[in-house]
Amino acid sequence: MAKYMPEASNTYKPRPEVWNPEDSTMDDELERLKRRRMLELRRRMMAEHEAEKAKREEPSPADILRSRFTGRAWEVYSAAKAQYPEVMPQVEQALVEGIKSGRIQDRIDGESLFLFLRRLGLNVRLQTSIRYKEHGELKSIGQRLKEK
């Protein structure tokens, strides 16, 4: 086998097949830098994607109503939804549009929602009970009648 012999000139030219440790560490470092840069770009793209997704997602109608309903409004709303399932999605949409457009700016309590539904012709029946306080104790009408 013939050994590699440098040319007759004074300059030494290494063969490309020969492994050079300095080149290897530089290549490893370049690869490491490339990987780090790619990870940074990927993270940035993911963060931008999440931000766009959050912007695009609008709050649900329940979230919008939750922001305005107070007191017993949810009780009235639930009763109306159970009694009038075919009409309440339209009423819900009208309420949400009113809130979004700014026509409805105040809080909606149970009484005002009840009156609003009554004006629309939806006679919502709420579960009611009459109690009275006797000797520091709350009693229903049924209990009072049983005692007498």
C-alpha atoms as a PDB file:
ATOM      1  CA  MET A   1       0.000   0.000   0.000  1.00  0.00           C
ATOM      2  CA  ALA A   2       1.212   3.366  -0.826  1.00  0.00           C
ATOM      3  CA  LYS A   3       1.341   5.877   1.940  1.00  0.00           C
ATOM      4  CA  TYR A   4       0.268   9.415   1.484  1.00  0.00           C
ATOM      5  CA  MET A   5       3.202  11.575   0.694  1.00  0.00           C
ATOM      6  CA  PRO A   6       3.016  15.321   0.698  1.00  0.00           C
ATOM      7  CA  GLU A   7       3.848  17.028  -2.513  1.00  0.00           C
ATOM      8  CA  ALA A   8       7.258  18.414  -3.044  1.00  0.00           C
ATOM      9  CA  SER A   9       6.145  21.961  -2.225  1.00  0.00           C
ATOM     10  CA  ASN A  10       6.656  23.493   1.185  1.00  0.00           C
ATOM     11  CA  THR A  11       2.900  23.766   1.879  1.00  0.00           C
ATOM     12  CA  TYR A  12       1.122  20.873   3.486  1.00  0.00           C
ATOM     13  CA  LYS A  13      -2.329  20.033   2.101  1.00  0.00           C
ATOM     14  CA  PRO A  14      -4.269  17.534   4.195  1.00  0.00           C
ATOM     15  CA  ARG A  15      -6.370  14.980   2.437  1.00  0.00           C
ATOM     16  CA  PRO A  16     -10.126  15.518   2.668  1.00  0.00           C
ATOM     17  CA  GLU A  17     -10.657  11.930   3.867  1.00  0.00           C
ATOM     18  CA  VAL A  18      -8.513  12.483   6.912  1.00  0.00           C
ATOM     19  CA  TRP A  19     -10.443  13.313  10.075  1.00  0.00           C
ATOM     20  CA  ASN A  20      -9.588  16.677  11.571  1.00  0.00           C
ATOM     21  CA  PRO A  21     -10.688  17.094  15.224  1.00  0.00           C
ATOM     22  CA  GLU A  22     -10.943  20.881  14.912  1.00  0.00           C
ATOM     23  CA  ASP A  23     -13.423  20.609  12.027  1.00  0.00           C
ATOM     24  CA  SER A  24     -15.519  18.093  13.973  1.00  0.00           C
ATOM     25  CA  THR A  25     -15.985  20.336  16.989  1.00  0.00           C
ATOM     26  CA  MET A  26     -16.905  23.262  14.764  1.00  0.00           C
ATOM     27  CA  ASP A  27     -19.452  21.117  12.915  1.00  0.00           C
ATOM     28  CA  ASP A  28     -20.927  19.930  16.226  1.00  0.00           C
ATOM     29  CA  GLU A  29     -21.119  23.488  17.482  1.00  0.00           C
ATOM     30  CA  LEU A  30     -22.785  24.658  14.258  1.00  0.00           C
ATOM     31  CA  GLU A  31     -25.316  21.842  14.489  1.00  0.00           C
ATOM     32  CA  ARG A  32     -26.019  22.748  18.113  1.00  0.00           C
ATOM     33  CA  LEU A  33     -26.546  26.401  17.165  1.00  0.00           C
ATOM     34  CA  LYS A  34     -28.836  25.395  14.286  1.00  0.00           C
ATOM     35  CA  ARG A  35     -30.904  23.181  16.586  1.00  0.00           C
ATOM     36  CA  ARG A  36     -31.186  25.946  19.195  1.00  0.00           C
ATOM     37  CA  ARG A  37     -32.259  28.451  16.551  1.00  0.00           C
ATOM     38  CA  MET A  38     -34.851  26.028  15.162  1.00  0.00           C
ATOM     39  CA  LEU A  39     -36.272  25.443  18.651  1.00  0.00           C
ATOM     40  CA  GLU A  40     -36.530  29.187  19.224  1.00  0.00           C
ATOM     41  CA  LEU A  41     -38.320  29.665  15.910  1.00  0.00           C
ATOM     42  CA  ARG A  42     -40.671  26.775  16.666  1.00  0.00           C
ATOM     43  CA  ARG A  43     -41.514  28.221  20.106  1.00  0.00           C
ATOM     44  CA  ARG A  44     -42.129  31.649  18.618  1.00  0.00           C
ATOM     45  CA  MET A  45     -44.417  30.199  15.946  1.00  0.00           C
ATOM     46  CA  MET A  46     -46.351  28.193  18.555  1.00  0.00           C
ATOM     47  CA  ALA A  47     -46.790  31.304  20.719  1.00  0.00           C
ATOM     48  CA  GLU A  48     -48.037  33.323  17.740  1.00  0.00           C
ATOM     49  CA  HIS A  49     -50.404  30.514  16.770  1.00  0.00           C
ATOM     50  CA  GLU A  50     -51.820  30.368  20.305  1.00  0.00           C
ATOM     51  CA  ALA A  51     -52.260  34.158  20.344  1.00  0.00           C
ATOM     52  CA  GLU A  52     -54.143  34.079  17.033  1.00  0.00           C
ATOM     53  CA  LYS A  53     -56.295  31.205  18.265  1.00  0.00           C
ATOM     54  CA  ALA A  54     -57.163  33.106  21.442  1.00  0.00           C
ATOM     55  CA  LYS A  55     -58.100  36.173  19.388  1.00  0.00           C
ATOM     56  CA  ARG A  56     -60.307  34.152  17.064  1.00  0.00           C
ATOM     57  CA  GLU A  57     -62.141  32.361  19.846  1.00  0.00           C
ATOM     58  CA  GLU A  58     -65.093  34.410  20.969  1.00  0.00           C
ATOM     59  CA  PRO A  59     -66.685  33.820  24.341  1.00  0.00           C
ATOM     60  CA  SER A  60     -69.610  31.431  24.325  1.00  0.00           C
ATOM     61  CA  PRO A  61     -73.151  32.733  24.767  1.00  0.00           C
ATOM     62  CA  ALA A  62     -73.202  31.256  28.281  1.00  0.00           C
ATOM     63  CA  ASP A  63     -70.041  33.220  29.146  1.00  0.00           C
ATOM     64  CA  ILE A  64     -71.557  36.436  27.848  1.00  0.00           C
ATOM     65  CA  LEU A  65     -74.779  35.857  29.801  1.00  0.00           C
ATOM     66  CA  ARG A  66     -72.785  34.895  32.897  1.00  0.00           C
ATOM     67  CA  SER A  67     -71.091  38.281  32.773  1.00  0.00           C
ATOM     68  CA  ARG A  68     -74.479  40.090  33.008  1.00  0.00           C
ATOM     69  CA  PHE A  69     -76.776  37.763  34.970  1.00  0.00           C
ATOM     70  CA  THR A  70     -77.040  38.414  38.691  1.00  0.00           C
ATOM     71  CA  GLY A  71     -79.197  37.148  41.513  1.00  0.00           C
ATOM     72  CA  ARG A  72     -81.846  34.667  40.458  1.00  0.00           C
ATOM     73  CA  ALA A  73     -81.481  35.312  36.718  1.00  0.00           C
ATOM     74  CA  TRP A  74     -79.995  31.862  36.105  1.00  0.00           C
ATOM     75  CA  GLU A  75     -82.886  30.253  37.969  1.00  0.00           C
ATOM     76  CA  VAL A  76     -85.410  32.096  35.772  1.00  0.00           C
ATOM     77  CA  TYR A  77     -83.371  31.338  32.636  1.00  0.00           C
ATOM     78  CA  SER A  78     -83.123  27.619  33.471  1.00  0.00           C
ATOM     79  CA  ALA A  79     -86.850  27.366  34.173  1.00  0.00           C
ATOM     80  CA  ALA A  80     -87.665  29.146  30.908  1.00  0.00           C
ATOM     81  CA  LYS A  81     -85.289  26.904  28.972  1.00  0.00           C
ATOM     82  CA  ALA A  82     -86.897  23.785  30.448  1.00  0.00           C
ATOM     83  CA  GLN A  83     -90.451  25.007  29.754  1.00  0.00           C
ATOM     84  CA  TYR A  84     -89.823  26.557  26.307  1.00  0.00           C
ATOM     85  CA  PRO A  85     -86.929  24.630  24.704  1.00  0.00           C
ATOM     86  CA  GLU A  86     -87.860  25.607  21.145  1.00  0.00           C
ATOM     87  CA  VAL A  87     -88.013  29.372  21.785  1.00  0.00           C
ATOM     88  CA  MET A  88     -85.241  29.955  24.327  1.00  0.00           C
ATOM     89  CA  PRO A  89     -82.291  29.587  21.882  1.00  0.00           C
ATOM     90  CA  GLN A  90     -83.714  32.561  19.948  1.00  0.00           C
ATOM     91  CA  VAL A  91     -84.193  34.541  23.160  1.00  0.00           C
ATOM     92  CA  GLU A  92     -80.650  33.668  24.232  1.00  0.00           C
ATOM     93  CA  GLN A  93     -79.278  34.847  20.890  1.00  0.00           C
ATOM     94  CA  ALA A  94     -81.231  38.114  21.162  1.00  0.00           C
ATOM     95  CA  LEU A  95     -79.872  38.713  24.668  1.00  0.00           C
ATOM     96  CA  VAL A  96     -76.302  37.974  23.566  1.00  0.00           C
ATOM     97  CA  GLU A  97     -76.592  40.299  20.561  1.00  0.00           C
ATOM     98  CA  GLY A  98     -78.029  43.032  22.784  1.00  0.00           C
ATOM     99  CA  ILE A  99     -75.131  42.681  25.209  1.00  0.00           C
ATOM    100  CA  LYS A 100     -72.517  42.621  22.420  1.00  0.00           C
ATOM    101  CA  SER A 101     -73.970  45.664  20.653  1.00  0.00           C
ATOM    102  CA  GLY A 102     -74.222  47.644  23.874  1.00  0.00           C
ATOM    103  CA  ARG A 103     -78.015  47.993  23.942  1.00  0.00           C
ATOM    104  CA  ILE A 104     -78.021  46.002  27.186  1.00  0.00           C
ATOM    105  CA  GLN A 105     -75.509  47.611  29.507  1.00  0.00           C
ATOM    106  CA  ASP A 106     -76.926  46.949  32.963  1.00  0.00           C
ATOM    107  CA  ARG A 107     -76.909  43.785  34.996  1.00  0.00           C
ATOM    108  CA  ILE A 108     -79.865  41.447  34.457  1.00  0.00           C
ATOM    109  CA  ASP A 109     -81.446  40.166  37.632  1.00  0.00           C
ATOM    110  CA  GLY A 110     -84.103  37.484  37.987  1.00  0.00           C
ATOM    111  CA  GLU A 111     -87.016  39.896  38.174  1.00  0.00           C
ATOM    112  CA  SER A 112     -86.090  41.858  35.048  1.00  0.00           C
ATOM    113  CA  LEU A 113     -85.498  38.651  33.072  1.00  0.00           C
ATOM    114  CA  PHE A 114     -88.827  37.279  34.311  1.00  0.00           C
ATOM    115  CA  LEU A 115     -90.633  40.458  33.194  1.00  0.00           C
ATOM    116  CA  PHE A 116     -88.808  40.446  29.852  1.00  0.00           C
ATOM    117  CA  LEU A 117     -89.900  36.864  29.185  1.00  0.00           C
ATOM    118  CA  ARG A 118     -93.448  37.697  30.291  1.00  0.00           C
ATOM    119  CA  ARG A 119     -93.551  40.580  27.753  1.00  0.00           C
ATOM    120  CA  LEU A 120     -92.492  38.114  25.060  1.00  0.00           C
ATOM    121  CA  GLY A 121     -95.483  35.946  25.963  1.00  0.00           C
ATOM    122  CA  LEU A 122     -93.509  33.270  27.814  1.00  0.00           C
ATOM    123  CA  ASN A 123     -95.259  32.690  31.119  1.00  0.00           C
ATOM    124  CA  VAL A 124     -92.446  31.068  33.036  1.00  0.00           C
ATOM    125  CA  ARG A 125     -93.567  29.174  36.125  1.00  0.00           C
ATOM    126  CA  LEU A 126     -91.074  29.235  38.960  1.00  0.00           C
ATOM    127  CA  GLN A 127     -91.065  26.876  41.884  1.00  0.00           C
ATOM    128  CA  THR A 128     -92.174  28.930  44.856  1.00  0.00           C
ATOM    129  CA  SER A 129     -92.765  28.206  48.489  1.00  0.00           C
ATOM    130  CA  ILE A 130     -94.176  30.370  51.230  1.00  0.00           C
ATOM    131  CA  ARG A 131     -92.439  30.190  54.575  1.00  0.00           C
ATOM    132  CA  TYR A 132     -92.930  32.100  57.725  1.00  0.00           C
ATOM    133  CA  LYS A 133     -90.871  32.492  60.812  1.00  0.00           C
ATOM    134  CA  GLU A 134     -92.352  31.361  64.108  1.00  0.00           C
ATOM    135  CA  HIS A 135     -90.346  31.329  67.320  1.00  0.00           C
ATOM    136  CA  GLY A 136     -87.100  31.731  65.364  1.00  0.00           C
ATOM    137  CA  GLU A 137     -87.913  28.757  63.120  1.00  0.00           C
ATOM    138  CA  LEU A 138     -88.758  28.771  59.388  1.00  0.00           C
ATOM    139  CA  LYS A 139     -91.885  26.758  58.636  1.00  0.00           C
ATOM    140  CA  SER A 140     -93.790  26.097  55.450  1.00  0.00           C
ATOM    141  CA  ILE A 141     -97.537  26.508  55.059  1.00  0.00           C
ATOM    142  CA  GLY A 142     -97.924  22.713  54.993  1.00  0.00           C
ATOM    143  CA  GLN A 143     -96.164  22.364  58.333  1.00  0.00           C
ATOM    144  CA  ARG A 144     -98.278  25.137  59.836  1.00  0.00           C
ATOM    145  CA  LEU A 145    -101.516  23.505  58.688  1.00  0.00           C
ATOM    146  CA  LYS A 146    -100.468  20.114  60.090  1.00  0.00           C
ATOM    147  CA  GLU A 147     -99.843  21.654  63.492  1.00  0.00           C
ATOM    148  CA  LYS A 148    -103.350  23.132  63.756  1.00  0.00           C
END
